[in-house]
Amino acid sequence: MAFFLTLLALVVTLGLSWRYLGSYMAAVFDGRVHFLGLVERPIYRLLGTSPEQEQTWKRYGGALIIFSGVSFIFTYVILRVQGSLPLNPQHLGAVSPALSFNTASSFLTNTNWQNYGGETTMSYFSQIGALTVQQFVTPAVGIVAAIVLVRGFSRKNSSAVGNFWVDMTRCLFYVLLPIAFIAGVIFVGEGAVMTLAGTATIHDVLNQVTQTMARGPIAFMEAIKQLGTNGGGFLNANSATPFENPTGLTNFLSIYLLLSIPFALTYTFGKMVGSVRHGVALLSVMVLLFGVWVGFTSFAEHQNNPAVAAAGIHSTVGNTEGKEVRFGDTSSALFGVASTMTSTGSADAAYDSFTPIGGMGLLSGMMLGEVTPGGTGSGLYTLLIYAIIAVFIGGLMIGRTPEYLGKKIQAKEVKLAGLAALIMPITVLILTGIAVSVAAGKAGPLNAGPHGFSEILYALTSQGNNNGSAFGGLTGNTPFYNIIGAIDMLIGRFAIMIPVLALGGALAQKNVVPESLGTFRTDNGMFVGLTIGVILIIGGLTFFPAISLGPLVEQLSHGRFF
């Protein structure tokens, strides 16, 4: 009953934020919100720009790449010299070159994959000055990239798609910072740790044991970790520890935060293109697939773990191995699906301890491209890529030039959409093939057989989708996995984002074609079904052989499916 009440509350709160947060973001990016003008204007003067100075997609993309390059160098340098920087009560030394490269790539790409334990590797300065800063700016980059594609549909005969620096400033100051501040206050109020003091040492007189407790400025990092669909936690145990996620309220708030912006952006899309019905169609795709995956994975985790059952141990409360008792099996599954079907990657349970089918639910959700609802911005623009492919297929079915919101979808647009849709699975499968073929890759998994393969596949799928969640069991902090993982994350971010910007620029230059009786409708149930079919075909057929070698083989090896 508690699980269904949680779902009901989540539906209500997300429904409200879809309507009002979505409308608010549309106003922000349309330039209709100015209450922080005193903050905005000095920033624009410093950058030598203004809202009136709009850019072509190439200049917009160039600014995005320059900003990202500077962000990468900034993070990498801080990690390499952290031993000489302040706010380091544990006197931690410099992070190794390979791990710094992986971590800088990870936080740059909104992946937040962590091949380290935060409390034993990163100083407070690194956590605040580098990693938390990146957890604000990288979701903003994803959101503004999506807005470029939205403007491609909303504008006509225009070479301009906005101004990168203006969009970033507005996204940070009007959207991310205010919401994260309010959420951070709630986390602190519920007991999440927030201090610059060093570790606390506790001595158990009865058992004569001394334990060192890690502390730090955790609560406010936790807020943007979830809101920005980042997932990088201050502590190694992430949201499973009460220092980051102390109560049922913070657990619910975490799930809400990581889903709120990705869902709300569909309303933003509808408002900006002048047709909320089209936003509802995209929302329907997200909700239907997300709901199926929540039901499927929660049901799997409410069963006995087949390995435990084989040992003669049977549970009446589902698979509780690796889960917090205070959250339970189904709520942990809900958190896991919400995290992996966005680009968040945070966890309140050990995903390696999920049943094989439950783990497949998490893994396959990422393999769909994280469009249900996906990350902040990245979910919307990836879904629009699939929608364009669906429109192309629908146009062929009725024998007309495909159109979406009055824009003709021609060869250039289809090529860009196809490239953006296929680059992730190609990259993940090639890198997985390399990892299972070389000695350095095969030395990583803790387990042999199909579960060991799942550990490698999950890691590279998570990084290639800029998710950041870890299946566990894989020794990732090695030169091989640090470097191959960084490559995976960088390709998964920018090899999709650049075609998206080009697509937005190409669409903005087109005129709007009037709708006619022969126009293939893109705001009804048929289009929703077609788009879902495209997502399932591209994600399902591409990855099914790999899934078959991992979770499916492992589950069936126990002689049962459920």
Protein backbone atom coordinates (compact mmCIF):
# COMPACT_ATOMS: atom_id res chain seq x y z
CA MET A 1 0.00 0.00 0.00
CA ALA A 2 2.84 2.41 0.88
CA PHE A 3 4.34 1.86 -2.57
CA PHE A 4 1.09 2.76 -4.34
CA LEU A 5 0.62 5.84 -2.14
CA THR A 6 4.16 6.89 -3.07
CA LEU A 7 3.32 6.46 -6.76
CA LEU A 8 0.11 8.47 -6.36
CA ALA A 9 1.93 11.32 -4.60
CA LEU A 10 4.62 11.24 -7.28
CA VAL A 11 2.05 11.46 -10.08
CA VAL A 12 0.33 14.44 -8.41
CA THR A 13 3.51 16.41 -7.70
CA LEU A 14 5.00 15.70 -11.11
CA GLY A 15 1.72 16.65 -12.77
CA LEU A 16 1.76 20.03 -11.02
CA SER A 17 5.41 20.69 -11.87
CA TRP A 18 4.84 19.56 -15.48
CA ARG A 19 2.24 22.29 -15.87
CA TYR A 20 3.75 25.11 -13.85
CA LEU A 21 7.50 24.45 -13.98
CA GLY A 22 7.16 23.70 -17.69
CA SER A 23 5.34 26.97 -18.32
CA TYR A 24 7.85 28.88 -16.20
CA MET A 25 10.82 27.47 -18.15
CA ALA A 26 9.16 28.45 -21.42
CA ALA A 27 8.86 32.00 -20.11
CA VAL A 28 12.50 31.96 -18.98
CA PHE A 29 13.86 30.89 -22.36
CA ASP A 30 11.49 33.17 -24.25
CA GLY A 31 13.00 36.05 -22.27
CA ARG A 32 9.81 36.93 -20.40
CA VAL A 33 11.27 36.54 -16.88
CA HIS A 34 13.43 39.43 -15.64
CA PHE A 35 13.25 39.57 -11.83
CA LEU A 36 17.02 38.96 -11.61
CA GLY A 37 17.90 41.57 -14.20
CA LEU A 38 20.36 43.21 -11.79
CA VAL A 39 22.29 39.94 -11.73
CA GLU A 40 21.96 39.19 -15.45
CA ARG A 41 23.11 42.47 -16.94
CA PRO A 42 26.59 42.61 -15.31
CA ILE A 43 27.23 39.04 -16.48
CA TYR A 44 26.33 39.94 -20.05
CA ARG A 45 28.58 43.01 -19.92
CA LEU A 46 31.44 40.88 -18.59
CA LEU A 47 30.93 38.37 -21.41
CA GLY A 48 30.54 41.10 -24.01
CA THR A 49 27.14 39.91 -25.14
CA SER A 50 23.42 40.61 -24.73
CA PRO A 51 20.07 38.86 -25.34
CA GLU A 52 19.76 40.75 -28.63
CA GLN A 53 22.99 39.25 -30.00
CA GLU A 54 21.72 35.85 -31.15
CA GLN A 55 23.93 33.20 -32.74
CA THR A 56 23.77 30.71 -35.58
CA TRP A 57 23.88 27.07 -34.52
CA LYS A 58 27.58 26.91 -35.43
CA ARG A 59 28.49 29.86 -33.22
CA TYR A 60 26.19 28.53 -30.50
CA GLY A 61 27.86 25.12 -30.74
CA GLY A 62 31.31 26.73 -30.76
CA ALA A 63 30.52 28.62 -27.57
CA LEU A 64 29.22 25.41 -26.00
CA ILE A 65 32.40 23.50 -26.91
CA ILE A 66 34.69 26.30 -25.68
CA PHE A 67 32.77 26.51 -22.40
CA SER A 68 32.92 22.71 -21.99
CA GLY A 69 36.64 22.62 -22.77
CA VAL A 70 37.40 25.28 -20.16
CA SER A 71 35.18 23.43 -17.65
CA PHE A 72 37.09 20.20 -18.29
CA ILE A 73 40.50 21.83 -17.78
CA PHE A 74 39.25 23.64 -14.67
CA THR A 75 38.04 20.40 -13.05
CA TYR A 76 41.08 18.36 -14.09
CA VAL A 77 43.55 20.90 -12.68
CA ILE A 78 41.75 21.19 -9.34
CA LEU A 79 41.78 17.40 -8.90
CA ARG A 80 45.48 17.18 -9.79
CA VAL A 81 46.55 19.88 -7.30
CA GLN A 82 43.94 19.36 -4.56
CA GLY A 83 46.65 18.46 -2.03
CA SER A 84 47.88 22.06 -2.18
CA LEU A 85 44.43 23.65 -1.96
CA PRO A 86 42.40 24.69 1.14
CA LEU A 87 39.35 22.94 2.62
CA ASN A 88 41.16 19.64 2.89
CA PRO A 89 40.81 18.55 6.54
CA GLN A 90 41.83 14.97 5.73
CA HIS A 91 44.97 16.15 3.89
CA LEU A 92 44.14 14.12 0.81
CA GLY A 93 46.72 14.18 -1.96
CA ALA A 94 46.42 14.76 -5.68
CA VAL A 95 44.11 12.52 -7.69
CA SER A 96 45.98 10.33 -10.20
CA PRO A 97 46.11 11.48 -13.86
CA ALA A 98 43.92 8.67 -15.25
CA LEU A 99 41.29 9.04 -12.51
CA SER A 100 41.34 12.84 -12.87
CA PHE A 101 40.80 12.46 -16.63
CA ASN A 102 37.90 10.07 -16.07
CA THR A 103 36.32 12.21 -13.33
CA ALA A 104 36.66 15.48 -15.26
CA SER A 105 35.11 13.80 -18.32
CA SER A 106 32.38 12.32 -16.14
CA PHE A 107 31.26 15.55 -14.49
CA LEU A 108 31.67 17.49 -17.75
CA THR A 109 29.23 15.19 -19.55
CA ASN A 110 26.56 15.16 -16.80
CA THR A 111 27.42 11.47 -16.24
CA ASN A 112 28.93 11.73 -12.76
CA TRP A 113 30.33 8.21 -12.95
CA GLN A 114 32.58 7.76 -9.92
CA ASN A 115 35.56 5.41 -10.00
CA TYR A 116 36.45 6.57 -6.49
CA GLY A 117 35.07 6.81 -2.98
CA GLY A 118 34.30 10.47 -2.40
CA GLU A 119 35.12 10.49 1.31
CA THR A 120 38.57 8.94 0.76
CA THR A 121 39.59 10.63 -2.49
CA MET A 122 38.15 14.14 -2.82
CA SER A 123 38.81 17.16 -0.59
CA TYR A 124 36.00 19.52 0.32
CA PHE A 125 37.44 22.04 -2.13
CA SER A 126 37.29 19.50 -4.96
CA GLN A 127 33.77 18.45 -4.01
CA ILE A 128 32.48 22.03 -3.84
CA GLY A 129 34.68 24.06 -6.18
CA ALA A 130 34.91 21.53 -9.00
CA LEU A 131 32.33 18.75 -8.82
CA THR A 132 29.32 20.61 -7.41
CA VAL A 133 29.94 23.52 -9.79
CA GLN A 134 29.91 21.04 -12.67
CA GLN A 135 26.66 19.58 -11.37
CA PHE A 136 25.08 22.99 -11.96
CA VAL A 137 26.57 23.91 -15.31
CA THR A 138 26.37 20.55 -17.12
CA PRO A 139 22.59 20.08 -16.74
CA ALA A 140 22.25 23.68 -17.88
CA VAL A 141 24.23 22.82 -21.02
CA GLY A 142 21.85 19.91 -21.69
CA ILE A 143 18.78 22.08 -21.21
CA VAL A 144 19.97 24.88 -23.51
CA ALA A 145 20.89 22.34 -26.21
CA ALA A 146 17.30 21.07 -26.06
CA ILE A 147 16.01 24.63 -26.26
CA VAL A 148 17.97 25.13 -29.51
CA LEU A 149 16.12 22.17 -31.05
CA VAL A 150 12.80 23.51 -29.74
CA ARG A 151 13.54 26.88 -31.33
CA GLY A 152 14.26 25.04 -34.56
CA PHE A 153 10.60 24.01 -34.61
CA SER A 154 9.19 27.30 -33.29
CA ARG A 155 11.05 29.65 -35.65
CA LYS A 156 10.88 29.96 -39.41
CA ASN A 157 13.26 31.40 -42.02
CA SER A 158 15.74 32.19 -39.27
CA SER A 159 19.46 31.50 -39.05
CA ALA A 160 19.59 32.38 -35.33
CA VAL A 161 18.85 29.85 -32.56
CA GLY A 162 19.54 31.97 -29.47
CA ASN A 163 22.59 33.02 -27.47
CA PHE A 164 24.48 30.33 -25.55
CA TRP A 165 25.74 32.65 -22.83
CA VAL A 166 22.33 34.22 -22.25
CA ASP A 167 20.56 30.84 -22.18
CA MET A 168 23.12 29.44 -19.71
CA THR A 169 22.83 32.45 -17.41
CA ARG A 170 19.04 32.29 -17.38
CA CYS A 171 18.98 28.54 -16.86
CA LEU A 172 21.33 28.74 -13.88
CA PHE A 173 19.86 31.78 -12.12
CA TYR A 174 16.16 31.33 -12.87
CA VAL A 175 15.79 27.54 -12.81
CA LEU A 176 18.56 25.45 -11.25
CA LEU A 177 19.88 27.63 -8.43
CA PRO A 178 16.50 28.59 -6.86
CA ILE A 179 15.06 25.07 -6.92
CA ALA A 180 18.30 23.49 -5.67
CA PHE A 181 18.49 26.00 -2.82
CA ILE A 182 14.96 25.21 -1.63
CA ALA A 183 15.59 21.45 -1.93
CA GLY A 184 18.91 21.82 -0.09
CA VAL A 185 17.17 23.51 2.84
CA ILE A 186 14.73 20.58 3.02
CA PHE A 187 17.59 18.07 2.99
CA VAL A 188 19.31 19.93 5.84
CA GLY A 189 16.04 20.13 7.78
CA GLU A 190 15.56 16.38 7.45
CA GLY A 191 19.03 15.64 8.81
CA ALA A 192 21.36 15.41 5.82
CA VAL A 193 24.87 16.40 6.89
CA MET A 194 26.07 19.92 6.03
CA THR A 195 29.37 20.97 7.60
CA LEU A 196 32.92 22.00 6.73
CA ALA A 197 34.26 20.21 9.80
CA GLY A 198 36.46 17.21 9.24
CA THR A 199 35.70 13.59 10.03
CA ALA A 200 34.20 12.59 13.38
CA THR A 201 35.79 9.83 15.44
CA ILE A 202 33.49 7.67 17.55
CA HIS A 203 34.79 5.24 20.16
CA ASP A 204 32.59 2.31 21.18
CA VAL A 205 33.56 1.66 24.80
CA LEU A 206 31.58 -1.59 24.99
CA ASN A 207 33.15 -3.25 21.97
CA GLN A 208 36.42 -1.32 22.11
CA VAL A 209 36.05 -0.23 18.48
CA THR A 210 36.93 3.16 17.02
CA GLN A 211 35.11 4.30 13.89
CA THR A 212 35.80 7.32 11.70
CA MET A 213 32.68 8.96 10.26
CA ALA A 214 33.01 10.96 7.06
CA ARG A 215 31.26 14.33 7.01
CA GLY A 216 31.16 17.34 4.76
CA PRO A 217 28.97 19.82 2.84
CA ILE A 218 26.70 17.03 1.66
CA ALA A 219 23.09 18.27 1.75
CA PHE A 220 23.27 21.02 -0.87
CA MET A 221 25.31 18.81 -3.19
CA GLU A 222 22.56 16.23 -2.79
CA ALA A 223 19.93 18.70 -4.01
CA ILE A 224 21.62 19.54 -7.32
CA LYS A 225 22.78 15.93 -7.69
CA GLN A 226 19.14 14.94 -8.11
CA LEU A 227 17.67 18.07 -9.71
CA GLY A 228 20.31 18.19 -12.43
CA THR A 229 20.03 14.44 -13.09
CA ASN A 230 23.68 14.22 -12.10
CA GLY A 231 23.92 11.39 -9.57
CA GLY A 232 27.42 12.06 -8.28
CA GLY A 233 27.24 11.62 -4.51
CA PHE A 234 29.50 13.07 -1.84
CA LEU A 235 29.85 9.64 -0.21
CA ASN A 236 30.63 6.30 -1.80
CA ALA A 237 27.34 4.75 -0.67
CA ASN A 238 25.44 7.55 -2.44
CA SER A 239 21.74 7.88 -1.54
CA ALA A 240 21.75 4.63 0.44
CA THR A 241 23.47 6.36 3.35
CA PRO A 242 21.41 8.41 5.84
CA PHE A 243 24.05 11.14 5.70
CA GLU A 244 22.85 11.90 2.14
CA ASN A 245 19.31 10.53 2.23
CA PRO A 246 18.13 10.40 5.85
CA THR A 247 14.35 9.92 5.65
CA GLY A 248 11.47 8.71 3.56
CA LEU A 249 10.70 12.34 2.69
CA THR A 250 14.19 12.94 1.29
CA ASN A 251 13.95 9.68 -0.64
CA PHE A 252 10.66 10.82 -2.19
CA LEU A 253 12.08 14.30 -2.80
CA SER A 254 15.07 12.74 -4.56
CA ILE A 255 12.84 10.80 -6.94
CA TYR A 256 10.70 13.87 -7.58
CA LEU A 257 13.69 16.13 -8.26
CA LEU A 258 15.36 13.84 -10.75
CA LEU A 259 12.11 13.44 -12.73
CA SER A 260 10.74 16.98 -12.47
CA ILE A 261 12.67 18.92 -15.13
CA PRO A 262 12.81 16.11 -17.76
CA PHE A 263 9.02 15.67 -17.62
CA ALA A 264 8.30 19.41 -17.39
CA LEU A 265 10.38 20.16 -20.48
CA THR A 266 7.70 18.49 -22.62
CA TYR A 267 5.28 21.23 -21.53
CA THR A 268 7.99 23.80 -22.21
CA PHE A 269 8.28 22.34 -25.71
CA GLY A 270 4.52 22.55 -26.25
CA LYS A 271 4.34 26.16 -25.07
CA MET A 272 7.29 27.32 -27.15
CA VAL A 273 6.08 25.69 -30.39
CA GLY A 274 2.52 26.89 -29.80
CA SER A 275 0.91 23.46 -29.42
CA VAL A 276 0.65 21.94 -25.95
CA ARG A 277 -0.92 18.85 -27.58
CA HIS A 278 2.46 18.05 -29.12
CA GLY A 279 4.05 18.35 -25.69
CA VAL A 280 1.41 15.99 -24.30
CA ALA A 281 2.21 13.48 -27.05
CA LEU A 282 5.88 13.47 -26.03
CA LEU A 283 4.92 13.25 -22.36
CA SER A 284 2.72 10.23 -23.16
CA VAL A 285 5.67 8.42 -24.71
CA MET A 286 7.76 9.09 -21.62
CA VAL A 287 5.06 8.14 -19.12
CA LEU A 288 3.98 4.93 -20.85
CA LEU A 289 7.50 3.52 -21.13
CA PHE A 290 8.48 4.72 -17.67
CA GLY A 291 5.37 3.15 -16.14
CA VAL A 292 6.01 -0.21 -17.82
CA TRP A 293 9.62 -0.27 -16.60
CA VAL A 294 8.62 0.68 -13.04
CA GLY A 295 6.01 -2.09 -12.95
CA PHE A 296 8.31 -4.67 -14.51
CA THR A 297 11.31 -3.95 -12.28
CA SER A 298 9.28 -3.54 -9.08
CA PHE A 299 7.57 -6.88 -9.72
CA ALA A 300 10.94 -8.55 -10.29
CA GLU A 301 12.36 -7.14 -7.05
CA HIS A 302 9.28 -8.21 -5.11
CA GLN A 303 10.20 -11.82 -5.89
CA ASN A 304 12.82 -13.98 -4.21
CA ASN A 305 16.33 -13.65 -5.55
CA PRO A 306 16.80 -16.93 -7.48
CA ALA A 307 20.33 -17.44 -6.14
CA VAL A 308 19.09 -17.02 -2.55
CA ALA A 309 16.06 -19.23 -3.20
CA ALA A 310 18.36 -21.92 -4.61
CA ALA A 311 20.11 -21.97 -1.23
CA GLY A 312 16.80 -22.85 0.43
CA ILE A 313 16.12 -19.38 1.82
CA HIS A 314 12.73 -17.90 0.99
CA SER A 315 11.55 -14.37 1.76
CA THR A 316 7.99 -13.08 2.04
CA VAL A 317 9.05 -9.45 1.51
CA GLY A 318 10.84 -9.74 -1.82
CA ASN A 319 14.49 -9.36 -2.67
CA THR A 320 15.90 -7.35 0.24
CA GLU A 321 19.56 -8.18 -0.38
CA GLY A 322 21.54 -4.95 -0.85
CA LYS A 323 18.61 -2.69 0.04
CA GLU A 324 17.89 -0.33 2.90
CA VAL A 325 15.16 -1.80 5.13
CA ARG A 326 13.75 1.71 5.59
CA PHE A 327 13.05 1.94 1.83
CA GLY A 328 12.11 -1.66 1.00
CA ASP A 329 12.21 -3.63 -2.24
CA THR A 330 9.63 -1.90 -4.43
CA SER A 331 10.52 1.68 -3.43
CA SER A 332 14.18 0.89 -4.13
CA ALA A 333 13.15 -0.44 -7.54
CA LEU A 334 11.19 2.78 -8.20
CA PHE A 335 14.22 4.86 -7.25
CA GLY A 336 16.45 2.68 -9.45
CA VAL A 337 14.22 2.96 -12.53
CA ALA A 338 13.78 6.72 -12.02
CA SER A 339 17.54 7.07 -11.74
CA THR A 340 18.52 4.89 -14.69
CA MET A 341 15.79 6.12 -17.05
CA THR A 342 17.06 9.63 -16.45
CA SER A 343 20.76 10.42 -16.67
CA THR A 344 21.01 10.61 -12.90
CA GLY A 345 22.83 7.49 -11.74
CA SER A 346 22.23 7.99 -8.02
CA ALA A 347 21.25 4.91 -6.03
CA ASP A 348 19.58 4.11 -2.71
CA ALA A 349 20.34 0.38 -3.07
CA ALA A 350 23.06 -1.91 -4.42
CA TYR A 351 22.10 -2.57 -8.05
CA ASP A 352 24.47 -5.53 -8.19
CA SER A 353 22.16 -7.24 -5.67
CA PHE A 354 19.03 -6.84 -7.78
CA THR A 355 17.59 -10.01 -9.26
CA PRO A 356 18.91 -10.70 -12.79
CA ILE A 357 15.58 -9.57 -14.27
CA GLY A 358 15.43 -6.55 -11.97
CA GLY A 359 18.95 -5.62 -13.02
CA MET A 360 17.89 -6.07 -16.64
CA GLY A 361 15.13 -3.52 -16.01
CA LEU A 362 17.72 -0.95 -14.95
CA LEU A 363 20.12 -1.83 -17.78
CA SER A 364 17.51 -1.94 -20.55
CA GLY A 365 16.04 1.38 -19.43
CA MET A 366 19.37 3.02 -20.18
CA MET A 367 19.65 1.16 -23.48
CA LEU A 368 16.49 2.85 -24.75
CA GLY A 369 18.56 6.04 -24.86
CA GLU A 370 17.30 7.43 -21.56
CA VAL A 371 14.36 9.20 -23.17
CA THR A 372 11.73 8.12 -20.67
CA PRO A 373 12.09 10.81 -19.42
CA GLY A 374 15.85 11.09 -19.84
CA GLY A 375 18.21 13.69 -18.43
CA THR A 376 17.75 17.44 -18.05
CA GLY A 377 17.52 18.54 -21.66
CA SER A 378 19.16 15.43 -23.09
CA GLY A 379 15.95 13.45 -22.56
CA LEU A 380 13.86 15.92 -24.56
CA TYR A 381 16.27 16.33 -27.46
CA THR A 382 16.87 12.58 -27.73
CA LEU A 383 13.12 11.94 -27.72
CA LEU A 384 12.69 14.55 -30.44
CA ILE A 385 15.31 12.69 -32.48
CA TYR A 386 13.22 9.52 -32.21
CA ALA A 387 10.09 11.56 -33.03
CA ILE A 388 11.72 12.83 -36.22
CA ILE A 389 12.58 9.26 -37.23
CA ALA A 390 8.98 8.24 -36.44
CA VAL A 391 7.68 11.14 -38.57
CA PHE A 392 9.90 10.03 -41.44
CA ILE A 393 8.55 6.48 -41.23
CA GLY A 394 4.97 7.76 -40.93
CA GLY A 395 5.45 9.99 -43.96
CA LEU A 396 6.66 7.05 -46.02
CA MET A 397 3.58 5.09 -44.95
CA ILE A 398 1.18 7.70 -46.33
CA GLY A 399 3.30 8.62 -49.33
CA ARG A 400 4.01 12.26 -48.35
CA THR A 401 7.06 14.29 -47.48
CA PRO A 402 7.31 13.89 -43.71
CA GLU A 403 6.42 16.97 -41.67
CA TYR A 404 6.67 17.74 -37.96
CA LEU A 405 5.06 20.92 -36.67
CA GLY A 406 4.92 22.20 -40.23
CA LYS A 407 8.63 21.62 -40.89
CA LYS A 408 9.50 19.27 -43.73
CA ILE A 409 11.75 16.44 -42.59
CA GLN A 410 14.08 15.87 -45.50
CA ALA A 411 17.34 14.00 -46.12
CA LYS A 412 19.54 16.31 -44.04
CA GLU A 413 17.30 16.13 -40.99
CA VAL A 414 16.90 12.35 -41.21
CA LYS A 415 20.67 11.85 -41.52
CA LEU A 416 21.35 14.02 -38.48
CA ALA A 417 18.64 12.28 -36.46
CA GLY A 418 19.88 8.83 -37.53
CA LEU A 419 23.45 9.71 -36.58
CA ALA A 420 22.39 10.99 -33.18
CA ALA A 421 20.21 7.91 -32.50
CA LEU A 422 22.81 5.31 -33.50
CA ILE A 423 26.04 6.77 -32.14
CA MET A 424 25.35 5.64 -28.56
CA PRO A 425 24.60 1.93 -29.20
CA ILE A 426 27.47 1.66 -31.68
CA THR A 427 29.92 3.18 -29.19
CA VAL A 428 28.70 1.09 -26.24
CA LEU A 429 28.77 -2.21 -28.12
CA ILE A 430 32.20 -1.61 -29.67
CA LEU A 431 33.76 -0.61 -26.35
CA THR A 432 32.09 -3.55 -24.58
CA GLY A 433 33.51 -5.87 -27.24
CA ILE A 434 36.98 -4.42 -26.61
CA ALA A 435 36.61 -4.73 -22.83
CA VAL A 436 35.66 -8.40 -22.93
CA SER A 437 38.46 -9.17 -25.40
CA VAL A 438 41.55 -7.77 -23.69
CA ALA A 439 43.20 -8.83 -20.46
CA ALA A 440 42.86 -5.39 -18.82
CA GLY A 441 39.12 -5.45 -19.45
CA LYS A 442 38.55 -9.02 -18.32
CA ALA A 443 40.43 -8.34 -15.07
CA GLY A 444 37.75 -5.82 -13.99
CA PRO A 445 34.64 -7.91 -13.13
CA LEU A 446 34.35 -9.46 -9.69
CA ASN A 447 32.20 -12.31 -10.98
CA ALA A 448 32.73 -14.79 -13.79
CA GLY A 449 30.17 -15.88 -16.40
CA PRO A 450 27.09 -13.92 -17.46
CA HIS A 451 27.02 -11.77 -14.32
CA GLY A 452 30.59 -10.64 -14.95
CA PHE A 453 29.64 -9.77 -18.53
CA SER A 454 26.65 -7.80 -17.17
CA GLU A 455 28.99 -5.81 -14.93
CA ILE A 456 31.09 -4.73 -17.95
CA LEU A 457 28.05 -4.11 -20.17
CA TYR A 458 26.28 -2.10 -17.47
CA ALA A 459 29.33 0.10 -16.81
CA LEU A 460 29.87 1.01 -20.46
CA THR A 461 26.12 1.42 -21.10
CA SER A 462 25.86 3.72 -18.08
CA GLN A 463 28.80 5.83 -19.20
CA GLY A 464 27.80 5.89 -22.88
CA ASN A 465 24.33 7.12 -21.91
CA ASN A 466 25.80 9.68 -19.49
CA ASN A 467 23.90 7.98 -16.67
CA GLY A 468 26.60 7.27 -14.11
CA SER A 469 24.95 4.52 -12.06
CA ALA A 470 27.15 1.52 -11.28
CA PHE A 471 26.07 -2.10 -11.25
CA GLY A 472 28.84 -2.83 -8.77
CA GLY A 473 31.38 -5.60 -8.79
CA LEU A 474 33.55 -3.96 -11.46
CA THR A 475 36.97 -2.62 -10.51
CA GLY A 476 36.75 0.57 -12.50
CA ASN A 477 39.65 2.57 -11.07
CA THR A 478 42.26 1.17 -13.43
CA PRO A 479 44.01 2.96 -16.31
CA PHE A 480 42.08 0.84 -18.83
CA TYR A 481 38.58 1.51 -17.46
CA ASN A 482 39.33 5.15 -16.59
CA ILE A 483 40.41 5.91 -20.15
CA ILE A 484 37.89 3.78 -22.06
CA GLY A 485 35.12 5.06 -19.80
CA ALA A 486 36.09 8.70 -20.38
CA ILE A 487 36.04 8.14 -24.15
CA ASP A 488 32.64 6.47 -23.82
CA MET A 489 31.22 9.41 -21.87
CA LEU A 490 32.61 12.13 -24.14
CA ILE A 491 31.27 10.43 -27.28
CA GLY A 492 27.91 9.75 -25.61
CA ARG A 493 27.52 13.45 -24.81
CA PHE A 494 28.99 15.51 -27.62
CA ALA A 495 28.57 13.16 -30.60
CA ILE A 496 24.82 13.43 -29.97
CA MET A 497 24.63 17.06 -28.84
CA ILE A 498 26.42 18.52 -31.89
CA PRO A 499 24.03 16.85 -34.41
CA VAL A 500 21.15 18.10 -32.25
CA LEU A 501 22.38 21.69 -32.54
CA ALA A 502 22.86 21.25 -36.29
CA LEU A 503 19.34 19.85 -36.53
CA GLY A 504 17.96 22.84 -34.63
CA GLY A 505 19.77 25.22 -36.98
CA ALA A 506 18.52 23.41 -40.09
CA LEU A 507 14.91 23.40 -38.90
CA ALA A 508 14.98 27.08 -37.89
CA GLN A 509 15.88 28.03 -41.47
CA LYS A 510 12.84 26.24 -42.90
CA ASN A 511 9.46 27.80 -43.56
CA VAL A 512 6.28 26.31 -42.11
CA VAL A 513 4.19 24.17 -44.45
CA PRO A 514 0.42 24.61 -43.92
CA GLU A 515 -1.34 21.52 -42.59
CA SER A 516 -3.60 19.67 -45.04
CA LEU A 517 -5.89 16.63 -45.04
CA GLY A 518 -2.95 14.43 -46.04
CA THR A 519 -0.64 15.61 -43.25
CA PHE A 520 0.49 12.85 -40.90
CA ARG A 521 -0.67 13.96 -37.46
CA THR A 522 1.97 14.11 -34.75
CA ASP A 523 -0.19 14.87 -31.71
CA ASN A 524 -2.36 11.77 -31.43
CA GLY A 525 -2.22 8.20 -30.14
CA MET A 526 -1.01 6.75 -33.43
CA PHE A 527 2.06 8.97 -33.37
CA VAL A 528 2.70 8.12 -29.71
CA GLY A 529 2.57 4.40 -30.57
CA LEU A 530 4.82 4.83 -33.59
CA THR A 531 7.41 6.75 -31.57
CA ILE A 532 7.39 4.11 -28.83
CA GLY A 533 7.86 1.47 -31.53
CA VAL A 534 10.87 3.30 -32.95
CA ILE A 535 12.44 3.60 -29.48
CA LEU A 536 11.90 -0.07 -28.72
CA ILE A 537 13.17 -1.22 -32.11
CA ILE A 538 16.35 0.85 -32.03
CA GLY A 539 17.09 0.14 -28.36
CA GLY A 540 15.67 -3.37 -28.18
CA LEU A 541 16.97 -4.93 -31.37
CA THR A 542 20.37 -3.30 -31.09
CA PHE A 543 21.05 -4.45 -27.55
CA PHE A 544 19.03 -7.69 -27.34
CA PRO A 545 21.98 -9.99 -28.20
CA ALA A 546 24.06 -8.37 -25.45
CA ILE A 547 21.16 -8.59 -22.95
CA SER A 548 20.78 -12.27 -23.88
CA LEU A 549 24.40 -12.98 -22.96
CA GLY A 550 24.07 -11.28 -19.58
CA PRO A 551 20.92 -10.96 -17.42
CA LEU A 552 18.74 -13.38 -19.42
CA VAL A 553 21.29 -16.19 -19.35
CA GLU A 554 21.90 -15.61 -15.66
CA GLN A 555 18.20 -15.71 -14.81
CA LEU A 556 17.49 -18.78 -16.93
CA SER A 557 20.51 -20.59 -15.49
CA HIS A 558 18.52 -20.85 -12.26
CA GLY A 559 15.82 -22.79 -14.10
CA ARG A 560 13.11 -20.14 -13.85
CA PHE A 561 12.23 -16.74 -15.30
CA PHE A 562 10.39 -15.38 -12.25
